[in-house]
Amino acid sequence: MTSTVHRPLSWPWLLLLEIPAIALRGRVVLLAAVGVCAVWAVDATWNVSQRAMPVPPEQWSELGTVAASSLLAVWLAFVEPFVAIAGGESIGPNLVRIIARVIVWALVGGAIVRIAALSLTRDESPSIPGAVRYAWRNTSGFLGGPLLLLAGLGVVWLPLALVRLAMQAAVLEPIAAVLWPFVILAAFVAMVYTLGAAVGWPLVLAAAATDDSDAFDAVSRMFSYVYQKPLRLVGYLVAIAALGLVMAVGTHAFATSVHHACLFAAGENNVAWAASAISWWTSAAYRLVTAILTAYLWSAASGLYVLRRLDVDGVHVDEVHIAPEEFAGGLPHLGEDSNGMPLVEKPASDAA
């Protein structure tokens, strides 16, 4: 069931300005922190250093650079194992890290984008259990979508891998040379698919969260929204990056202030284990920056999805799927506005 609560937006892209506030909600940050810690735990078993571990700037003049690097590191933390496998590095461990990321973010990221979708479309704020239940019940989209996208990557790169293998035999090189135009075509298809996946993969989860899309529909929507009207996509991405940078600078500035306040309170530590414990707790608190920026990226995926859906499919930004078990049912309530005039209130859902 699709629910619509029309919002008077003359400029739909202004929805992007709501994303930082959604990302800073306690429940969203908590979900992001759980997902980040789970991924870090898996990486730690393979002794993988974390790009996304934030550190306070040594000088306040470095705040902008540190914030930008931290925002980029959060994005790279999602895709780094894929890049490592593409380069032939530690295929086994990196494959485990990829599977862990897909499972963790299918559930946790799915819950975040569900919260963001309902917040952007219906001004509702679902609870953590409600959002997690929705992601769990819709594994076809949240888990099946990323897996289908990865399977597609394997399919489009398989011909090139076979050509590379064939080129190891000198007797096959002349045949490959004759058929090289087909290799060029295969490389073109592989790069179109890879570029679309690299840019649009968060939209797969956003499609499942907003429209209850299954795996095939979510991946199809992703490629449609990436390659149709690309200039608008670029504009949205620039706006999201700019907002993210502002949020990263503000978050780092506040976290750095807290960090220095803790150092002031600690003073000179004479007991070694106490100094180590204080340092660990202070660093752990600072790493909440990563959780906040992760929450922002997932929330931004939801905002980007509803805007691209409007651009490409003409679907209003306030339309969202409400599962039958989420709908509280009944007729809408009749209330009054501030002037005492009758007002039909929107139907309730237990998604909130």
Protein backbone atom coordinates (compact mmCIF):
# COMPACT_ATOMS: atom_id res chain seq x y z
CA MET A 1 0.00 0.00 0.00
CA THR A 2 1.38 3.41 -0.98
CA SER A 3 0.64 6.30 1.34
CA THR A 4 0.61 9.91 0.21
CA VAL A 5 0.63 13.01 2.38
CA HIS A 6 1.06 15.97 0.04
CA ARG A 7 3.60 18.50 1.16
CA PRO A 8 3.63 21.95 -0.50
CA LEU A 9 7.16 21.95 -1.89
CA SER A 10 7.78 24.38 -4.73
CA TRP A 11 11.44 23.36 -4.74
CA PRO A 12 11.64 19.64 -3.92
CA TRP A 13 15.43 19.74 -3.62
CA LEU A 14 14.95 21.65 -0.35
CA LEU A 15 14.29 18.20 1.12
CA LEU A 16 18.06 17.81 1.19
CA LEU A 17 18.23 20.44 3.92
CA GLU A 18 16.29 18.10 6.22
CA ILE A 19 18.88 15.33 5.95
CA PRO A 20 21.39 16.59 8.59
CA ALA A 21 18.62 16.88 11.19
CA ILE A 22 17.49 13.32 10.45
CA ALA A 23 21.07 12.03 10.66
CA LEU A 24 21.57 13.65 14.08
CA ARG A 25 18.58 11.92 15.67
CA GLY A 26 19.65 9.68 18.52
CA ARG A 27 18.06 6.54 17.12
CA VAL A 28 19.70 7.05 13.72
CA VAL A 29 23.14 7.68 15.24
CA LEU A 30 22.72 4.63 17.49
CA LEU A 31 21.88 2.40 14.52
CA ALA A 32 24.84 3.76 12.57
CA ALA A 33 27.15 3.20 15.56
CA VAL A 34 26.02 -0.42 15.83
CA GLY A 35 26.67 -0.97 12.12
CA VAL A 36 30.06 0.73 12.20
CA CYS A 37 31.18 -1.26 15.26
CA ALA A 38 30.04 -4.52 13.66
CA VAL A 39 32.03 -3.78 10.50
CA TRP A 40 35.06 -2.71 12.52
CA ALA A 41 34.87 -5.95 14.51
CA VAL A 42 34.94 -8.04 11.34
CA ASP A 43 37.82 -6.00 9.91
CA ALA A 44 39.75 -6.32 13.17
CA THR A 45 39.74 -10.12 12.87
CA TRP A 46 41.77 -9.69 9.67
CA ASN A 47 44.02 -6.98 11.14
CA VAL A 48 42.69 -4.38 8.70
CA SER A 49 43.40 -0.78 9.65
CA GLN A 50 40.38 1.51 9.62
CA ARG A 51 40.37 4.43 7.21
CA ALA A 52 37.31 5.86 8.91
CA MET A 53 38.85 6.13 12.38
CA PRO A 54 38.65 9.89 13.08
CA VAL A 55 41.36 11.73 14.98
CA PRO A 56 41.22 15.25 16.41
CA PRO A 57 43.10 17.87 14.36
CA GLU A 58 46.40 18.96 15.88
CA GLN A 59 45.54 22.58 15.08
CA TRP A 60 42.18 24.27 14.57
CA SER A 61 43.38 25.50 11.16
CA GLU A 62 43.39 21.86 10.01
CA LEU A 63 39.73 21.34 10.93
CA GLY A 64 38.39 21.66 7.37
CA THR A 65 40.95 19.25 5.93
CA VAL A 66 40.39 16.69 8.68
CA ALA A 67 36.59 16.93 8.28
CA ALA A 68 36.77 16.45 4.50
CA SER A 69 39.13 13.49 4.89
CA SER A 70 36.84 11.93 7.50
CA LEU A 71 33.76 12.26 5.26
CA LEU A 72 35.65 10.69 2.34
CA ALA A 73 36.99 7.93 4.59
CA VAL A 74 33.46 6.97 5.64
CA TRP A 75 32.49 6.53 1.98
CA LEU A 76 35.67 4.59 1.18
CA ALA A 77 35.08 2.29 4.15
CA PHE A 78 32.04 0.91 2.33
CA VAL A 79 33.82 0.16 -0.95
CA GLU A 80 37.43 -0.53 0.13
CA PRO A 81 37.09 -4.37 0.22
CA PHE A 82 35.63 -4.35 -3.31
CA VAL A 83 38.56 -2.32 -4.58
CA ALA A 84 40.99 -4.65 -2.80
CA ILE A 85 39.46 -7.73 -4.45
CA ALA A 86 39.54 -6.01 -7.84
CA GLY A 87 43.27 -5.52 -7.29
CA GLY A 88 43.73 -9.19 -6.36
CA GLU A 89 44.58 -8.48 -2.71
CA SER A 90 43.74 -11.15 -0.10
CA ILE A 91 40.64 -12.39 -1.90
CA GLY A 92 39.47 -14.69 0.90
CA PRO A 93 39.55 -12.18 3.80
CA ASN A 94 38.17 -9.38 1.64
CA LEU A 95 35.33 -11.60 0.46
CA VAL A 96 34.41 -12.20 4.11
CA ARG A 97 34.53 -8.44 4.74
CA ILE A 98 32.24 -7.83 1.75
CA ILE A 99 29.70 -10.40 2.96
CA ALA A 100 29.78 -8.84 6.43
CA ARG A 101 29.16 -5.37 5.01
CA VAL A 102 26.27 -6.57 2.87
CA ILE A 103 24.56 -8.33 5.79
CA VAL A 104 25.20 -5.62 8.39
CA TRP A 105 24.11 -2.71 6.21
CA ALA A 106 21.15 -4.61 4.77
CA LEU A 107 19.70 -4.67 8.28
CA VAL A 108 21.15 -1.58 9.95
CA GLY A 109 21.44 0.60 6.85
CA GLY A 110 17.99 -0.58 5.79
CA ALA A 111 16.56 0.57 9.12
CA ILE A 112 18.24 3.97 8.77
CA VAL A 113 16.95 4.59 5.24
CA ARG A 114 13.47 3.48 6.36
CA ILE A 115 13.53 6.06 9.15
CA ALA A 116 14.77 8.70 6.71
CA ALA A 117 12.17 7.75 4.09
CA LEU A 118 9.27 8.11 6.51
CA SER A 119 10.72 11.32 7.92
CA LEU A 120 11.12 12.91 4.49
CA THR A 121 7.80 11.75 3.04
CA ARG A 122 5.38 11.68 6.00
CA ASP A 123 7.14 13.67 8.74
CA GLU A 124 7.09 10.51 10.86
CA SER A 125 9.87 9.15 13.02
CA PRO A 126 9.61 5.38 13.37
CA SER A 127 11.16 3.60 16.31
CA ILE A 128 14.28 1.48 16.05
CA PRO A 129 12.35 -1.82 16.51
CA GLY A 130 9.82 -0.78 13.85
CA ALA A 131 12.51 0.19 11.34
CA VAL A 132 14.55 -2.96 12.00
CA ARG A 133 11.43 -5.14 11.67
CA TYR A 134 10.68 -3.54 8.31
CA ALA A 135 14.22 -4.22 7.07
CA TRP A 136 14.06 -7.80 8.38
CA ARG A 137 10.71 -8.49 6.67
CA ASN A 138 11.93 -7.06 3.36
CA THR A 139 15.17 -8.97 2.91
CA SER A 140 14.31 -9.48 -0.77
CA GLY A 141 15.15 -5.83 -1.38
CA PHE A 142 17.55 -4.96 1.42
CA LEU A 143 19.69 -8.08 1.13
CA GLY A 144 18.72 -9.45 -2.28
CA GLY A 145 19.27 -6.10 -4.03
CA PRO A 146 22.95 -5.71 -3.06
CA LEU A 147 23.59 -9.41 -3.73
CA LEU A 148 22.01 -9.11 -7.19
CA LEU A 149 24.11 -6.02 -7.86
CA LEU A 150 27.26 -7.91 -6.89
CA ALA A 151 26.25 -10.89 -9.02
CA GLY A 152 25.83 -8.55 -11.96
CA LEU A 153 29.33 -7.22 -11.41
CA GLY A 154 30.66 -10.75 -11.60
CA VAL A 155 28.74 -11.44 -14.81
CA VAL A 156 29.88 -8.32 -16.67
CA TRP A 157 33.53 -8.78 -15.68
CA LEU A 158 33.63 -12.53 -16.35
CA PRO A 159 34.24 -12.19 -20.14
CA LEU A 160 37.20 -9.88 -19.53
CA ALA A 161 38.61 -12.26 -16.93
CA LEU A 162 38.32 -15.14 -19.41
CA VAL A 163 40.08 -13.08 -22.10
CA ARG A 164 42.87 -12.30 -19.67
CA LEU A 165 43.19 -16.00 -18.88
CA ALA A 166 43.19 -16.90 -22.57
CA MET A 167 45.92 -14.37 -23.29
CA GLN A 168 48.28 -16.42 -21.14
CA ALA A 169 48.37 -18.99 -23.95
CA ALA A 170 50.36 -17.79 -26.96
CA VAL A 171 48.30 -19.92 -29.35
CA LEU A 172 45.13 -18.01 -28.43
CA GLU A 173 46.56 -14.51 -28.86
CA PRO A 174 45.89 -14.31 -32.65
CA ILE A 175 42.26 -15.37 -32.07
CA ALA A 176 41.88 -12.74 -29.37
CA ALA A 177 43.34 -10.10 -31.69
CA VAL A 178 40.75 -10.91 -34.37
CA LEU A 179 37.91 -10.81 -31.84
CA TRP A 180 39.22 -7.73 -30.01
CA PRO A 181 36.29 -5.47 -31.04
CA PHE A 182 34.06 -7.76 -28.97
CA VAL A 183 36.48 -7.37 -26.07
CA ILE A 184 36.13 -3.60 -26.37
CA LEU A 185 32.34 -3.97 -26.33
CA ALA A 186 32.54 -6.18 -23.23
CA ALA A 187 34.80 -3.64 -21.53
CA PHE A 188 32.34 -0.85 -22.37
CA VAL A 189 29.43 -2.79 -20.85
CA ALA A 190 31.49 -3.65 -17.78
CA MET A 191 32.46 -0.02 -17.17
CA VAL A 192 28.90 1.28 -17.65
CA TYR A 193 27.64 -1.25 -15.12
CA THR A 194 30.51 -0.64 -12.68
CA LEU A 195 30.18 3.14 -12.82
CA GLY A 196 26.43 2.94 -12.25
CA ALA A 197 26.93 0.57 -9.32
CA ALA A 198 29.70 2.70 -7.79
CA VAL A 199 27.58 5.86 -7.88
CA GLY A 200 24.13 4.48 -7.16
CA TRP A 201 24.48 1.45 -4.86
CA PRO A 202 22.92 3.23 -1.82
CA LEU A 203 19.78 3.78 -3.92
CA VAL A 204 19.17 0.02 -3.91
CA LEU A 205 18.42 0.10 -0.18
CA ALA A 206 16.51 3.37 -0.54
CA ALA A 207 14.25 1.75 -3.15
CA ALA A 208 13.48 -1.12 -0.77
CA ALA A 209 12.83 1.31 2.09
CA THR A 210 10.63 3.73 0.16
CA ASP A 211 8.79 1.59 -2.42
CA ASP A 212 9.16 -1.93 -1.02
CA SER A 213 11.11 -2.84 -4.16
CA ASP A 214 12.37 -6.38 -4.59
CA ALA A 215 15.92 -7.07 -5.75
CA PHE A 216 15.29 -6.74 -9.50
CA ASP A 217 13.16 -3.61 -9.20
CA ALA A 218 15.64 -1.95 -6.81
CA VAL A 219 18.62 -2.56 -9.10
CA SER A 220 16.63 -1.48 -12.16
CA ARG A 221 15.59 1.75 -10.46
CA MET A 222 19.16 2.40 -9.40
CA PHE A 223 20.52 2.31 -12.95
CA SER A 224 17.58 4.33 -14.24
CA TYR A 225 18.11 7.04 -11.64
CA VAL A 226 21.87 7.17 -12.23
CA TYR A 227 21.85 7.44 -16.03
CA GLN A 228 18.68 9.44 -16.76
CA LYS A 229 18.94 13.23 -16.44
CA PRO A 230 22.53 12.98 -15.20
CA LEU A 231 23.06 16.74 -14.74
CA ARG A 232 20.39 16.84 -12.05
CA LEU A 233 22.05 13.88 -10.38
CA VAL A 234 25.37 15.71 -10.37
CA GLY A 235 23.69 18.76 -8.86
CA TYR A 236 22.13 16.69 -6.08
CA LEU A 237 25.43 14.95 -5.35
CA VAL A 238 27.26 18.28 -5.13
CA ALA A 239 24.62 19.60 -2.73
CA ILE A 240 24.80 16.43 -0.61
CA ALA A 241 28.61 16.62 -0.52
CA ALA A 242 28.50 20.30 0.48
CA LEU A 243 25.98 19.64 3.26
CA GLY A 244 28.03 16.66 4.36
CA LEU A 245 31.18 18.77 4.54
CA VAL A 246 29.42 21.40 6.65
CA MET A 247 28.10 18.66 8.93
CA ALA A 248 31.55 17.03 9.14
CA VAL A 249 33.20 20.34 10.08
CA GLY A 250 30.58 21.04 12.75
CA THR A 251 30.75 17.53 14.15
CA HIS A 252 34.55 17.53 14.26
CA ALA A 253 34.60 20.99 15.86
CA PHE A 254 32.24 19.91 18.64
CA ALA A 255 34.00 16.55 19.13
CA THR A 256 37.40 18.27 19.25
CA SER A 257 36.12 20.70 21.86
CA VAL A 258 34.86 17.81 23.96
CA HIS A 259 38.17 16.01 23.46
CA HIS A 260 40.19 18.97 24.73
CA ALA A 261 37.81 19.42 27.67
CA CYS A 262 38.40 15.78 28.62
CA LEU A 263 42.16 16.25 28.37
CA PHE A 264 41.88 19.30 30.64
CA ALA A 265 39.88 17.29 33.17
CA ALA A 266 42.36 14.41 33.04
CA GLY A 267 45.37 16.58 33.84
CA GLU A 268 48.58 14.70 34.55
CA ASN A 269 47.99 10.96 35.06
CA ASN A 270 50.42 9.16 37.34
CA VAL A 271 48.85 5.70 37.09
CA ALA A 272 49.60 4.02 33.75
CA TRP A 273 46.47 1.88 33.49
CA ALA A 274 44.26 4.85 34.45
CA ALA A 275 45.88 6.97 31.74
CA SER A 276 45.32 4.20 29.20
CA ALA A 277 41.67 3.79 30.21
CA ILE A 278 41.02 7.54 30.01
CA SER A 279 42.69 7.72 26.60
CA TRP A 280 40.63 4.77 25.32
CA TRP A 281 37.33 6.22 26.50
CA THR A 282 38.15 9.66 25.08
CA SER A 283 39.11 8.17 21.70
CA ALA A 284 36.02 5.96 21.66
CA ALA A 285 33.79 8.98 22.27
CA TYR A 286 35.51 10.87 19.45
CA ARG A 287 34.79 8.01 17.08
CA LEU A 288 31.10 8.83 17.31
CA VAL A 289 31.98 11.24 14.49
CA THR A 290 32.16 8.22 12.19
CA ALA A 291 28.72 7.04 13.29
CA ILE A 292 27.21 10.49 12.67
CA LEU A 293 28.74 10.80 9.20
CA THR A 294 27.64 7.25 8.36
CA ALA A 295 24.11 8.14 9.47
CA TYR A 296 24.28 11.18 7.20
CA LEU A 297 25.30 9.16 4.13
CA TRP A 298 22.46 6.66 4.57
CA SER A 299 19.94 9.42 5.22
CA ALA A 300 21.21 11.27 2.14
CA ALA A 301 20.61 8.13 0.07
CA SER A 302 16.93 8.28 0.98
CA GLY A 303 16.70 11.98 0.08
CA LEU A 304 18.50 11.42 -3.21
CA TYR A 305 16.18 8.53 -4.05
CA VAL A 306 12.91 10.45 -3.65
CA LEU A 307 14.28 13.34 -5.70
CA ARG A 308 15.51 11.10 -8.53
CA ARG A 309 12.21 9.21 -8.45
CA LEU A 310 10.47 12.55 -8.99
CA ASP A 311 12.84 13.50 -11.83
CA VAL A 312 12.67 10.20 -13.71
CA ASP A 313 9.30 8.64 -12.84
CA GLY A 314 7.31 11.73 -11.89
CA VAL A 315 6.37 10.23 -8.50
CA HIS A 316 5.69 12.87 -5.86
CA VAL A 317 8.27 13.10 -3.12
CA ASP A 318 5.76 12.31 -0.38
CA GLU A 319 4.72 8.87 -1.64
CA VAL A 320 6.00 5.95 0.43
CA HIS A 321 5.04 2.32 0.87
CA ILE A 322 3.31 1.44 4.13
CA ALA A 323 3.04 -2.29 4.80
CA PRO A 324 -0.41 -3.54 5.86
CA GLU A 325 0.93 -4.56 9.27
CA GLU A 326 2.25 -1.00 9.75
CA PHE A 327 -1.09 0.66 9.01
CA ALA A 328 -3.11 1.47 12.10
CA GLY A 329 -6.25 1.56 9.95
CA GLY A 330 -9.56 3.25 10.41
CA LEU A 331 -10.90 6.44 8.96
CA PRO A 332 -8.84 9.62 9.22
CA HIS A 333 -9.61 11.76 12.25
CA LEU A 334 -11.43 15.08 11.93
CA GLY A 335 -9.68 17.82 13.82
CA GLU A 336 -9.38 21.58 13.82
CA ASP A 337 -6.68 23.95 12.67
CA SER A 338 -5.47 26.99 14.60
CA ASN A 339 -8.46 29.00 13.34
CA GLY A 340 -11.02 26.43 14.43
CA MET A 341 -11.74 25.24 10.89
CA PRO A 342 -12.33 21.50 10.27
CA LEU A 343 -9.20 19.65 9.26
CA VAL A 344 -8.79 16.06 8.10
CA GLU A 345 -5.78 14.62 9.86
CA LYS A 346 -3.50 12.17 8.10
CA PRO A 347 -4.08 8.50 8.88
CA ALA A 348 -1.82 7.04 11.51
CA SER A 349 0.58 4.18 11.08
CA ASP A 350 2.53 2.29 13.68
CA ALA A 351 5.60 2.96 11.54
CA ALA A 352 5.87 6.04 13.69
